[in-house]
């Protein structure tokens, strides 16, 4: 049933931007100023301004030329309105050499992000793309152990069959980390999730109690538009 005929479904927006050289100062400012939106955003539940590792990777060295913004809205209409009409979203586009906007509805979700759940009521895509978000708050006493194991496992992600995009994100250096990835199909994501390297990393993280809070979400992409890593990307899902 289309959302317009039923209860609205929480819809996430992910903006990814690689900044122009002259816009690095603006991007760094967002990591501080973006804690509070500079305009009223209808339907906003929570948001996170996210830094990136160098070259968008998963290591501990920051890369100030890339940034992510995650927002959760109460409905698809509110998410579309944010992408299409707000000054904040337009500023990210204007300051970027490359910019990608995605709107997403969760088809499975486990855990919390700063105490917030993400409801999962969207259907799992039968074909077409699927996105994945993993994020965690790392216990300070476990940070060295986590970072000694994590980068190698996550670096394999970008090379996995069917992975169209993979980026390391973080809302705080070293201790609050996230990975966002986009896949050609659910089958490709499942194959990676059950690979030996990924399973070993998950078992180590939970067996060693690395996290004080974590979240794992799979999303049905509703809308993908823009350019990332030299590729034009476009997708529209039916309502």
Protein backbone atom coordinates (compact mmCIF):
# COMPACT_ATOMS: atom_id res chain seq x y z
CA UNK A 1 0.00 0.00 0.00
CA UNK A 2 1.44 3.45 -0.87
CA UNK A 3 2.51 5.50 2.12
CA UNK A 4 -0.02 8.20 1.22
CA UNK A 5 -2.81 5.68 1.85
CA UNK A 6 -1.40 4.35 5.13
CA UNK A 7 0.50 5.40 8.21
CA UNK A 8 3.68 7.31 7.23
CA UNK A 9 6.88 5.29 7.38
CA UNK A 10 10.07 6.70 8.89
CA UNK A 11 12.39 7.66 6.03
CA UNK A 12 16.11 8.28 6.28
CA UNK A 13 18.18 10.65 4.17
CA UNK A 14 21.89 10.17 3.59
CA UNK A 15 23.85 12.99 1.94
CA UNK A 16 27.45 12.31 0.90
CA UNK A 17 29.65 15.18 -0.26
CA UNK A 18 33.23 15.49 -1.48
CA UNK A 19 34.05 19.15 -1.00
CA UNK A 20 35.67 21.57 -3.39
CA UNK A 21 39.15 22.63 -2.13
CA UNK A 22 37.82 26.09 -1.28
CA UNK A 23 34.93 24.62 0.71
CA UNK A 24 36.91 22.59 3.26
CA UNK A 25 36.43 25.28 5.91
CA UNK A 26 32.66 25.20 5.38
CA UNK A 27 32.68 21.42 5.71
CA UNK A 28 34.69 21.45 8.93
CA UNK A 29 32.28 24.06 10.29
CA UNK A 30 29.38 21.68 9.74
CA UNK A 31 30.92 19.20 12.16
CA UNK A 32 30.35 21.82 14.87
CA UNK A 33 27.49 24.00 13.60
CA UNK A 34 25.52 21.07 12.25
CA UNK A 35 24.83 19.79 15.75
CA UNK A 36 21.70 21.93 15.55
CA UNK A 37 19.92 22.48 12.22
CA UNK A 38 20.01 26.10 11.10
CA UNK A 39 16.42 25.96 9.86
CA UNK A 40 13.23 24.26 10.91
CA UNK A 41 13.05 20.81 9.32
CA UNK A 42 9.51 19.45 9.28
CA UNK A 43 9.25 15.85 10.43
CA UNK A 44 12.88 15.56 11.59
CA UNK A 45 13.32 12.88 14.29
CA UNK A 46 17.11 13.05 14.67
CA UNK A 47 20.21 13.81 12.61
CA UNK A 48 23.97 13.24 12.64
CA UNK A 49 26.74 15.15 10.86
CA UNK A 50 29.41 12.56 10.05
CA UNK A 51 33.08 12.91 9.23
CA UNK A 52 34.93 10.43 7.01
CA UNK A 53 38.18 8.55 7.04
CA UNK A 54 40.86 9.55 4.56
CA UNK A 55 39.62 9.03 0.98
CA UNK A 56 36.29 7.88 2.44
CA UNK A 57 37.95 4.86 4.00
CA UNK A 58 37.77 3.11 7.36
CA UNK A 59 41.06 4.01 9.05
CA UNK A 60 41.67 6.32 12.00
CA UNK A 61 43.13 9.17 9.89
CA UNK A 62 40.38 11.71 9.11
CA UNK A 63 39.67 12.97 5.61
CA UNK A 64 38.26 16.48 5.80
CA UNK A 65 37.34 16.62 2.11
CA UNK A 66 34.41 14.21 2.56
CA UNK A 67 31.40 14.29 4.84
CA UNK A 68 28.10 12.55 5.42
CA UNK A 69 24.80 13.77 6.83
CA UNK A 70 22.24 11.30 8.19
CA UNK A 71 18.69 12.46 8.94
CA UNK A 72 15.66 10.43 10.00
CA UNK A 73 12.25 11.86 9.10
CA UNK A 74 8.73 10.85 10.04
CA UNK A 75 7.65 10.30 6.41
CA UNK A 76 8.81 10.00 2.83
CA UNK A 77 7.26 13.37 2.02
CA UNK A 78 9.31 15.09 4.73
CA UNK A 79 12.49 13.40 3.49
CA UNK A 80 11.84 14.47 -0.11
CA UNK A 81 11.07 18.00 1.03
CA UNK A 82 14.41 18.14 2.86
CA UNK A 83 16.37 17.04 -0.22
CA UNK A 84 14.48 19.26 -2.66
CA UNK A 85 13.77 22.51 -0.83
CA UNK A 86 15.96 23.14 2.21
CA UNK A 87 18.91 25.50 2.32
CA UNK A 88 20.98 22.98 4.30
CA UNK A 89 20.74 20.28 1.62
CA UNK A 90 21.34 22.85 -1.11
CA UNK A 91 24.48 24.06 0.67
CA UNK A 92 25.96 20.56 0.65
CA UNK A 93 25.29 20.33 -3.09
CA UNK A 94 26.78 23.76 -3.76
CA UNK A 95 30.00 23.07 -1.84
CA UNK A 96 30.69 19.71 -3.42
CA UNK A 97 32.75 18.44 -6.34
CA UNK A 98 30.68 15.29 -5.95
CA UNK A 99 27.39 14.91 -4.10
CA UNK A 100 25.02 12.00 -3.62
CA UNK A 101 21.56 12.09 -2.03
CA UNK A 102 19.69 8.96 -0.95
CA UNK A 103 16.31 8.49 0.72
CA UNK A 104 15.76 5.12 2.37
CA UNK A 105 13.18 3.15 4.34
CA UNK A 106 14.28 0.40 6.72
CA UNK A 107 13.30 -3.19 5.97
CA UNK A 108 15.17 -4.55 9.02
CA UNK A 109 16.59 -2.75 12.03
CA UNK A 110 18.25 -3.76 15.27
CA UNK A 111 19.67 -1.54 18.00
CA UNK A 112 19.75 2.17 18.77
CA UNK A 113 21.57 5.31 17.68
CA UNK A 114 21.92 7.79 20.57
CA UNK A 115 18.88 6.11 22.08
CA UNK A 116 16.79 6.35 18.89
CA UNK A 117 15.40 3.28 17.09
CA UNK A 118 14.66 3.22 13.35
CA UNK A 119 11.36 1.55 12.58
CA UNK A 120 11.48 -1.17 9.92
CA UNK A 121 8.26 -1.48 7.92
CA UNK A 122 9.43 -1.35 4.30
CA UNK A 123 9.45 -4.49 2.15
CA UNK A 124 12.75 -6.20 1.39
CA UNK A 125 13.55 -5.44 -2.28
CA UNK A 126 12.96 -8.43 -4.56
CA UNK A 127 15.48 -6.99 -6.99
CA UNK A 128 17.38 -3.75 -7.37
CA UNK A 129 19.57 -2.02 -4.80
CA UNK A 130 19.65 -2.40 -1.03
CA UNK A 131 21.62 -0.31 1.49
CA UNK A 132 23.19 -1.19 4.81
CA UNK A 133 24.14 0.95 7.81
CA UNK A 134 26.15 -0.29 10.77
CA UNK A 135 27.10 2.05 13.58
CA UNK A 136 28.50 1.68 17.06
CA UNK A 137 29.67 3.54 20.12
CA UNK A 138 32.98 1.91 21.02
CA UNK A 139 33.88 1.52 24.69
CA UNK A 140 36.98 3.68 25.33
CA UNK A 141 38.84 0.79 26.99
CA UNK A 142 38.17 -1.36 23.90
CA UNK A 143 39.17 1.20 21.25
CA UNK A 144 42.70 -0.11 20.65
CA UNK A 145 41.48 -3.69 20.33
CA UNK A 146 38.66 -2.64 17.99
CA UNK A 147 40.87 -0.56 15.70
CA UNK A 148 43.52 -3.27 15.53
CA UNK A 149 40.93 -5.60 13.99
CA UNK A 150 38.40 -3.43 12.17
CA UNK A 151 40.12 -1.64 9.24
CA UNK A 152 41.32 -4.78 7.46
CA UNK A 153 37.87 -6.39 7.61
CA UNK A 154 36.08 -3.24 6.49
CA UNK A 155 38.56 -2.56 3.68
CA UNK A 156 37.40 -5.84 2.12
CA UNK A 157 33.87 -4.42 1.98
CA UNK A 158 34.56 -2.03 -0.90
CA UNK A 159 35.93 -4.93 -2.96
CA UNK A 160 33.02 -7.29 -2.26
CA UNK A 161 30.99 -8.56 -5.21
CA UNK A 162 27.99 -6.33 -5.87
CA UNK A 163 29.08 -3.49 -3.56
CA UNK A 164 28.39 -0.23 -5.38
CA UNK A 165 29.46 2.13 -2.61
CA UNK A 166 31.11 1.77 0.80
CA UNK A 167 32.17 4.61 3.06
CA UNK A 168 33.47 4.90 6.60
CA UNK A 169 31.74 7.59 8.67
CA UNK A 170 31.97 8.83 12.23
CA UNK A 171 30.24 11.33 14.49
CA UNK A 172 33.21 11.43 16.88
CA UNK A 173 36.85 10.43 16.33
CA UNK A 174 37.72 6.81 17.15
CA UNK A 175 34.74 6.08 19.41
CA UNK A 176 31.53 6.64 17.40
CA UNK A 177 31.81 5.01 14.03
CA UNK A 178 29.53 3.99 11.17
CA UNK A 179 29.74 2.23 7.83
CA UNK A 180 27.30 2.89 5.01
CA UNK A 181 27.18 0.66 1.93
CA UNK A 182 25.01 0.29 -1.16
CA UNK A 183 24.58 -3.05 -2.90
CA UNK A 184 23.37 -4.18 -6.30
CA UNK A 185 21.01 -6.74 -4.73
CA UNK A 186 19.95 -8.38 -1.47
CA UNK A 187 21.73 -11.57 -2.59
CA UNK A 188 25.05 -9.72 -2.85
CA UNK A 189 24.61 -8.19 0.60
CA UNK A 190 23.70 -11.57 2.09
CA UNK A 191 26.76 -13.19 0.54
CA UNK A 192 29.03 -10.58 2.11
CA UNK A 193 27.24 -10.73 5.48
CA UNK A 194 27.90 -14.49 5.64
CA UNK A 195 31.48 -14.32 4.40
CA UNK A 196 34.18 -15.62 6.72
CA UNK A 197 35.90 -12.26 7.18
CA UNK A 198 32.74 -10.39 8.07
CA UNK A 199 31.50 -13.06 10.47
CA UNK A 200 34.89 -13.12 12.21
CA UNK A 201 34.81 -9.34 12.70
CA UNK A 202 31.28 -9.45 14.14
CA UNK A 203 32.13 -12.29 16.51
CA UNK A 204 35.23 -10.48 17.72
CA UNK A 205 33.32 -7.23 18.33
CA UNK A 206 30.59 -8.89 20.37
CA UNK A 207 32.76 -11.51 22.00
CA UNK A 208 35.11 -8.80 23.25
CA UNK A 209 32.27 -6.40 24.20
CA UNK A 210 33.57 -3.56 22.04
CA UNK A 211 30.29 -1.63 21.90
CA UNK A 212 28.21 0.26 24.45
CA UNK A 213 25.53 0.88 21.78
CA UNK A 214 25.12 -0.38 18.24
CA UNK A 215 22.69 -0.40 15.33
CA UNK A 216 22.37 -2.52 12.20
CA UNK A 217 19.88 -1.46 9.52
CA UNK A 218 19.06 -2.61 6.01
CA UNK A 219 17.25 -0.13 3.82
CA UNK A 220 15.13 -0.18 0.70
CA UNK A 221 16.37 2.77 -1.39
CA UNK A 222 13.56 5.00 -2.57
CA UNK A 223 15.67 7.58 -4.32
CA UNK A 224 19.33 7.80 -5.31
CA UNK A 225 20.63 10.74 -7.29
CA UNK A 226 23.97 12.40 -7.85
CA UNK A 227 27.58 11.53 -8.48
CA UNK A 228 30.03 9.60 -6.32
CA UNK A 229 33.52 8.25 -7.02
CA UNK A 230 33.26 9.36 -10.62
CA UNK A 231 29.94 7.58 -11.30
CA UNK A 232 26.53 9.07 -11.96
CA UNK A 233 23.97 7.22 -9.84
CA UNK A 234 20.20 7.33 -10.29
CA UNK A 235 17.37 5.23 -8.89
CA UNK A 236 13.68 5.81 -8.18
CA UNK A 237 11.47 3.24 -6.46
CA UNK A 238 7.74 3.01 -6.92
CA UNK A 239 5.64 4.35 -4.07
